[in-house]
Amino acid sequence: MLLLAFIIDMLFASLFFLAVFSKLGTSFAEFKLDLHSYHVLPKALVGISAVGVLLAESMLSILYGFGLFFVWKDIIAILLFSVFTVLTLRQRRLQESTDTSCSCFGQIKALNQYPIVRNMILIALSGGRLALPDRAPETWSTVLYSLAAIMIIASLAIVVMLLSILKRNKELRAHL
């Protein structure tokens, strides 16, 4: 069960890291436009809210990566996914559109295409994580293993992001 807890924690650490990295990389302005399109915040608060989401996602990535604050990190993740799911549903109803894609993961279309379904799966996974044991680091070797896993996750996230950008550039060149 501890191995399953570790795998789920690393999955969430990588997802949150990828979300932050992709927003900071190429699409922070696009993310702010997405936040503005929900029509729940005044224009002046959109930038502050975008930074707040980035900070929350960064902290969740670190907390999941190191296995800290068992229960609390899962509750915060569930709340974050729930808020964005409700906002996306609201946006869909206001715009009378079936397009609910987002820019949560920058240019990675596969993760942006169905945000409601993705968030519901992540809410269920995070809720299931609550039933698994705590994996707080007990020794320095545990901390080093977590750090190594986080470095691997960061490296893979960078590779995924670069491949996505290269694919998008190739598609753009084909249209020119």
C-alpha atoms as a PDB file:
ATOM      1  CA  MET A   1       0.000   0.000   0.000  1.00  0.00           C
ATOM      2  CA  LEU A   2       2.914   2.339   0.693  1.00  0.00           C
ATOM      3  CA  LEU A   3       4.170   1.778  -2.861  1.00  0.00           C
ATOM      4  CA  LEU A   4       0.746   2.716  -4.258  1.00  0.00           C
ATOM      5  CA  ALA A   5       0.748   5.849  -2.078  1.00  0.00           C
ATOM      6  CA  PHE A   6       4.208   6.721  -3.435  1.00  0.00           C
ATOM      7  CA  ILE A   7       3.106   6.193  -7.053  1.00  0.00           C
ATOM      8  CA  ILE A   8      -0.014   8.345  -6.634  1.00  0.00           C
ATOM      9  CA  ASP A   9       1.961  11.055  -4.836  1.00  0.00           C
ATOM     10  CA  MET A  10       4.535  11.123  -7.636  1.00  0.00           C
ATOM     11  CA  LEU A  11       1.768  11.239 -10.251  1.00  0.00           C
ATOM     12  CA  PHE A  12       0.249  14.285  -8.554  1.00  0.00           C
ATOM     13  CA  ALA A  13       3.676  15.867  -8.030  1.00  0.00           C
ATOM     14  CA  SER A  14       4.407  15.493 -11.728  1.00  0.00           C
ATOM     15  CA  LEU A  15       0.983  16.787 -12.812  1.00  0.00           C
ATOM     16  CA  PHE A  16       1.219  19.876 -10.625  1.00  0.00           C
ATOM     17  CA  PHE A  17       4.821  20.489 -11.674  1.00  0.00           C
ATOM     18  CA  LEU A  18       3.870  20.131 -15.334  1.00  0.00           C
ATOM     19  CA  ALA A  19       0.962  22.542 -14.849  1.00  0.00           C
ATOM     20  CA  VAL A  20       3.199  25.178 -13.260  1.00  0.00           C
ATOM     21  CA  PHE A  21       6.071  24.667 -15.676  1.00  0.00           C
ATOM     22  CA  SER A  22       3.831  24.881 -18.739  1.00  0.00           C
ATOM     23  CA  LYS A  23       2.081  28.034 -17.495  1.00  0.00           C
ATOM     24  CA  LEU A  24       5.369  29.748 -16.744  1.00  0.00           C
ATOM     25  CA  GLY A  25       6.968  28.537 -19.943  1.00  0.00           C
ATOM     26  CA  THR A  26       4.829  29.704 -22.808  1.00  0.00           C
ATOM     27  CA  SER A  27       1.273  30.351 -21.819  1.00  0.00           C
ATOM     28  CA  PHE A  28       0.953  32.457 -18.662  1.00  0.00           C
ATOM     29  CA  ALA A  29      -0.936  35.115 -20.632  1.00  0.00           C
ATOM     30  CA  GLU A  30      -3.185  32.417 -22.075  1.00  0.00           C
ATOM     31  CA  PHE A  31      -3.837  31.098 -18.570  1.00  0.00           C
ATOM     32  CA  LYS A  32      -4.799  34.591 -17.395  1.00  0.00           C
ATOM     33  CA  LEU A  33      -7.181  34.848 -20.351  1.00  0.00           C
ATOM     34  CA  ASP A  34      -8.707  31.514 -19.320  1.00  0.00           C
ATOM     35  CA  LEU A  35      -9.197  32.786 -15.774  1.00  0.00           C
ATOM     36  CA  HIS A  36     -10.786  35.957 -17.112  1.00  0.00           C
ATOM     37  CA  SER A  37     -13.115  33.938 -19.357  1.00  0.00           C
ATOM     38  CA  TYR A  38     -14.753  32.370 -16.286  1.00  0.00           C
ATOM     39  CA  HIS A  39     -16.326  35.796 -15.561  1.00  0.00           C
ATOM     40  CA  VAL A  40     -16.074  35.476 -11.779  1.00  0.00           C
ATOM     41  CA  LEU A  41     -13.242  37.911 -11.056  1.00  0.00           C
ATOM     42  CA  PRO A  42     -12.782  41.576 -11.846  1.00  0.00           C
ATOM     43  CA  LYS A  43     -10.078  42.158 -14.442  1.00  0.00           C
ATOM     44  CA  ALA A  44      -7.797  43.704 -11.811  1.00  0.00           C
ATOM     45  CA  LEU A  45      -7.741  40.451  -9.772  1.00  0.00           C
ATOM     46  CA  VAL A  46      -7.067  38.049 -12.642  1.00  0.00           C
ATOM     47  CA  GLY A  47      -3.270  38.480 -12.508  1.00  0.00           C
ATOM     48  CA  ILE A  48      -3.167  38.079  -8.729  1.00  0.00           C
ATOM     49  CA  SER A  49      -5.385  35.013  -8.955  1.00  0.00           C
ATOM     50  CA  ALA A  50      -3.179  33.499 -11.647  1.00  0.00           C
ATOM     51  CA  VAL A  51      -0.126  33.913  -9.428  1.00  0.00           C
ATOM     52  CA  GLY A  52      -2.087  32.417  -6.506  1.00  0.00           C
ATOM     53  CA  VAL A  53      -2.977  29.350  -8.571  1.00  0.00           C
ATOM     54  CA  LEU A  54       0.673  28.966  -9.605  1.00  0.00           C
ATOM     55  CA  LEU A  55       1.792  29.173  -5.978  1.00  0.00           C
ATOM     56  CA  ALA A  56      -0.829  26.632  -4.889  1.00  0.00           C
ATOM     57  CA  GLU A  57       0.161  24.235  -7.674  1.00  0.00           C
ATOM     58  CA  SER A  58       3.858  24.690  -6.849  1.00  0.00           C
ATOM     59  CA  MET A  59       3.263  23.948  -3.179  1.00  0.00           C
ATOM     60  CA  LEU A  60       1.132  20.907  -4.015  1.00  0.00           C
ATOM     61  CA  SER A  61       3.872  19.597  -6.296  1.00  0.00           C
ATOM     62  CA  ILE A  62       6.410  19.871  -3.496  1.00  0.00           C
ATOM     63  CA  LEU A  63       4.062  18.448  -0.850  1.00  0.00           C
ATOM     64  CA  TYR A  64       3.159  15.447  -2.996  1.00  0.00           C
ATOM     65  CA  GLY A  65       6.769  14.947  -4.052  1.00  0.00           C
ATOM     66  CA  PHE A  66       8.026  14.752  -0.485  1.00  0.00           C
ATOM     67  CA  GLY A  67       4.917  13.123   1.014  1.00  0.00           C
ATOM     68  CA  LEU A  68       4.274  15.985   3.420  1.00  0.00           C
ATOM     69  CA  PHE A  69       1.037  17.145   5.067  1.00  0.00           C
ATOM     70  CA  PHE A  70      -0.903  13.947   4.562  1.00  0.00           C
ATOM     71  CA  VAL A  71      -4.645  14.594   4.215  1.00  0.00           C
ATOM     72  CA  TRP A  72      -4.248  18.388   3.882  1.00  0.00           C
ATOM     73  CA  LYS A  73      -2.583  18.271   0.490  1.00  0.00           C
ATOM     74  CA  ASP A  74      -5.302  15.928  -0.778  1.00  0.00           C
ATOM     75  CA  ILE A  75      -8.066  18.165   0.536  1.00  0.00           C
ATOM     76  CA  ILE A  76      -6.468  21.226  -1.078  1.00  0.00           C
ATOM     77  CA  ALA A  77      -6.047  19.339  -4.373  1.00  0.00           C
ATOM     78  CA  ILE A  78      -9.689  18.194  -4.289  1.00  0.00           C
ATOM     79  CA  LEU A  79     -10.805  21.767  -3.632  1.00  0.00           C
ATOM     80  CA  LEU A  80      -8.647  23.129  -6.454  1.00  0.00           C
ATOM     81  CA  PHE A  81      -9.917  20.525  -8.941  1.00  0.00           C
ATOM     82  CA  SER A  82     -13.505  21.070  -7.778  1.00  0.00           C
ATOM     83  CA  VAL A  83     -13.338  24.846  -8.156  1.00  0.00           C
ATOM     84  CA  PHE A  84     -11.950  24.602 -11.681  1.00  0.00           C
ATOM     85  CA  THR A  85     -14.516  21.951 -12.619  1.00  0.00           C
ATOM     86  CA  VAL A  86     -17.380  24.157 -11.419  1.00  0.00           C
ATOM     87  CA  LEU A  87     -15.899  27.179 -13.201  1.00  0.00           C
ATOM     88  CA  THR A  88     -15.519  25.208 -16.431  1.00  0.00           C
ATOM     89  CA  LEU A  89     -19.124  23.976 -16.221  1.00  0.00           C
ATOM     90  CA  ARG A  90     -20.268  27.540 -15.561  1.00  0.00           C
ATOM     91  CA  GLN A  91     -18.224  28.824 -18.486  1.00  0.00           C
ATOM     92  CA  ARG A  92     -19.716  26.174 -20.743  1.00  0.00           C
ATOM     93  CA  ARG A  93     -23.250  27.176 -19.727  1.00  0.00           C
ATOM     94  CA  LEU A  94     -22.603  30.921 -20.115  1.00  0.00           C
ATOM     95  CA  GLN A  95     -21.050  30.570 -23.530  1.00  0.00           C
ATOM     96  CA  GLU A  96     -23.473  27.856 -24.641  1.00  0.00           C
ATOM     97  CA  SER A  97     -20.532  25.973 -26.047  1.00  0.00           C
ATOM     98  CA  THR A  98     -19.402  22.378 -25.904  1.00  0.00           C
ATOM     99  CA  ASP A  99     -15.744  23.405 -26.077  1.00  0.00           C
ATOM    100  CA  THR A 100     -14.432  23.122 -22.559  1.00  0.00           C
ATOM    101  CA  SER A 101     -10.732  22.899 -23.318  1.00  0.00           C
ATOM    102  CA  CYS A 102      -8.385  24.860 -21.092  1.00  0.00           C
ATOM    103  CA  SER A 103      -4.785  25.979 -20.967  1.00  0.00           C
ATOM    104  CA  CYS A 104      -4.021  24.335 -17.628  1.00  0.00           C
ATOM    105  CA  PHE A 105      -1.113  22.428 -19.153  1.00  0.00           C
ATOM    106  CA  GLY A 106       0.064  24.987 -21.693  1.00  0.00           C
ATOM    107  CA  GLN A 107       0.483  23.508 -25.169  1.00  0.00           C
ATOM    108  CA  ILE A 108      -0.118  19.878 -24.115  1.00  0.00           C
ATOM    109  CA  LYS A 109      -3.418  19.292 -25.871  1.00  0.00           C
ATOM    110  CA  ALA A 110      -3.984  15.801 -24.487  1.00  0.00           C
ATOM    111  CA  LEU A 111      -4.217  17.130 -20.926  1.00  0.00           C
ATOM    112  CA  ASN A 112      -6.193  20.240 -21.879  1.00  0.00           C
ATOM    113  CA  GLN A 113      -8.823  18.639 -24.073  1.00  0.00           C
ATOM    114  CA  TYR A 114     -11.304  17.265 -21.505  1.00  0.00           C
ATOM    115  CA  PRO A 115     -10.723  19.194 -18.264  1.00  0.00           C
ATOM    116  CA  ILE A 116     -13.988  18.162 -16.587  1.00  0.00           C
ATOM    117  CA  VAL A 117     -13.352  14.445 -17.079  1.00  0.00           C
ATOM    118  CA  ARG A 118      -9.680  14.879 -16.145  1.00  0.00           C
ATOM    119  CA  ASN A 119     -10.564  16.767 -12.966  1.00  0.00           C
ATOM    120  CA  MET A 120     -13.204  14.225 -11.938  1.00  0.00           C
ATOM    121  CA  ILE A 121     -10.659  11.412 -12.323  1.00  0.00           C
ATOM    122  CA  LEU A 122      -8.085  13.396 -10.310  1.00  0.00           C
ATOM    123  CA  ILE A 123     -10.663  14.171  -7.596  1.00  0.00           C
ATOM    124  CA  ALA A 124     -11.464  10.457  -7.307  1.00  0.00           C
ATOM    125  CA  LEU A 125      -7.762   9.553  -7.263  1.00  0.00           C
ATOM    126  CA  SER A 126      -7.004  12.183  -4.636  1.00  0.00           C
ATOM    127  CA  GLY A 127      -9.966  11.008  -2.557  1.00  0.00           C
ATOM    128  CA  GLY A 128      -8.718   7.427  -2.846  1.00  0.00           C
ATOM    129  CA  ARG A 129      -5.262   8.596  -1.764  1.00  0.00           C
ATOM    130  CA  LEU A 130      -6.795   9.557   1.575  1.00  0.00           C
ATOM    131  CA  ALA A 131      -7.411   5.859   2.264  1.00  0.00           C
ATOM    132  CA  LEU A 132      -3.748   4.985   1.758  1.00  0.00           C
ATOM    133  CA  PRO A 133      -1.047   5.251   4.435  1.00  0.00           C
ATOM    134  CA  ASP A 134       0.968   8.376   5.175  1.00  0.00           C
ATOM    135  CA  ARG A 135       4.406   8.333   3.580  1.00  0.00           C
ATOM    136  CA  ALA A 136       6.063  11.216   5.384  1.00  0.00           C
ATOM    137  CA  PRO A 137       9.864  11.081   5.136  1.00  0.00           C
ATOM    138  CA  GLU A 138      11.397   9.431   8.193  1.00  0.00           C
ATOM    139  CA  THR A 139      15.075   9.359   7.260  1.00  0.00           C
ATOM    140  CA  TRP A 140      17.442  11.300   5.045  1.00  0.00           C
ATOM    141  CA  SER A 141      17.515   8.433   2.561  1.00  0.00           C
ATOM    142  CA  THR A 142      13.734   8.743   2.155  1.00  0.00           C
ATOM    143  CA  VAL A 143      14.142  12.460   1.511  1.00  0.00           C
ATOM    144  CA  LEU A 144      16.866  11.742  -1.071  1.00  0.00           C
ATOM    145  CA  TYR A 145      14.671   9.155  -2.837  1.00  0.00           C
ATOM    146  CA  SER A 146      11.868  11.694  -2.996  1.00  0.00           C
ATOM    147  CA  LEU A 147      14.252  14.350  -4.281  1.00  0.00           C
ATOM    148  CA  ALA A 148      15.533  11.956  -6.949  1.00  0.00           C
ATOM    149  CA  ALA A 149      11.968  11.155  -7.997  1.00  0.00           C
ATOM    150  CA  ILE A 150      11.145  14.862  -8.177  1.00  0.00           C
ATOM    151  CA  MET A 151      14.207  15.493 -10.356  1.00  0.00           C
ATOM    152  CA  ILE A 152      13.151  12.685 -12.693  1.00  0.00           C
ATOM    153  CA  ILE A 153       9.631  14.126 -12.811  1.00  0.00           C
ATOM    154  CA  ALA A 154      10.955  17.602 -13.579  1.00  0.00           C
ATOM    155  CA  SER A 155      13.191  16.251 -16.330  1.00  0.00           C
ATOM    156  CA  LEU A 156      10.356  14.272 -17.889  1.00  0.00           C
ATOM    157  CA  ALA A 157       8.036  17.280 -17.655  1.00  0.00           C
ATOM    158  CA  ILE A 158      10.571  19.410 -19.487  1.00  0.00           C
ATOM    159  CA  VAL A 159      10.951  16.759 -22.190  1.00  0.00           C
ATOM    160  CA  VAL A 160       7.155  16.439 -22.584  1.00  0.00           C
ATOM    161  CA  MET A 161       6.813  20.198 -22.820  1.00  0.00           C
ATOM    162  CA  LEU A 162       9.612  20.499 -25.381  1.00  0.00           C
ATOM    163  CA  LEU A 163       8.140  17.697 -27.503  1.00  0.00           C
ATOM    164  CA  SER A 164       4.742  19.404 -27.362  1.00  0.00           C
ATOM    165  CA  ILE A 165       6.255  22.722 -28.446  1.00  0.00           C
ATOM    166  CA  LEU A 166       8.170  21.048 -31.284  1.00  0.00           C
ATOM    167  CA  LYS A 167       5.006  19.303 -32.467  1.00  0.00           C
ATOM    168  CA  ARG A 168       3.076  22.581 -32.375  1.00  0.00           C
ATOM    169  CA  ASN A 169       5.833  24.387 -34.270  1.00  0.00           C
ATOM    170  CA  LYS A 170       5.791  21.640 -36.894  1.00  0.00           C
ATOM    171  CA  GLU A 171       2.010  22.016 -37.256  1.00  0.00           C
ATOM    172  CA  LEU A 172       2.353  25.793 -37.586  1.00  0.00           C
ATOM    173  CA  ARG A 173       5.063  25.451 -40.239  1.00  0.00           C
ATOM    174  CA  ALA A 174       2.831  23.061 -42.200  1.00  0.00           C
ATOM    175  CA  HIS A 175       0.127  25.757 -42.344  1.00  0.00           C
ATOM    176  CA  LEU A 176       2.517  28.423 -43.642  1.00  0.00           C
END
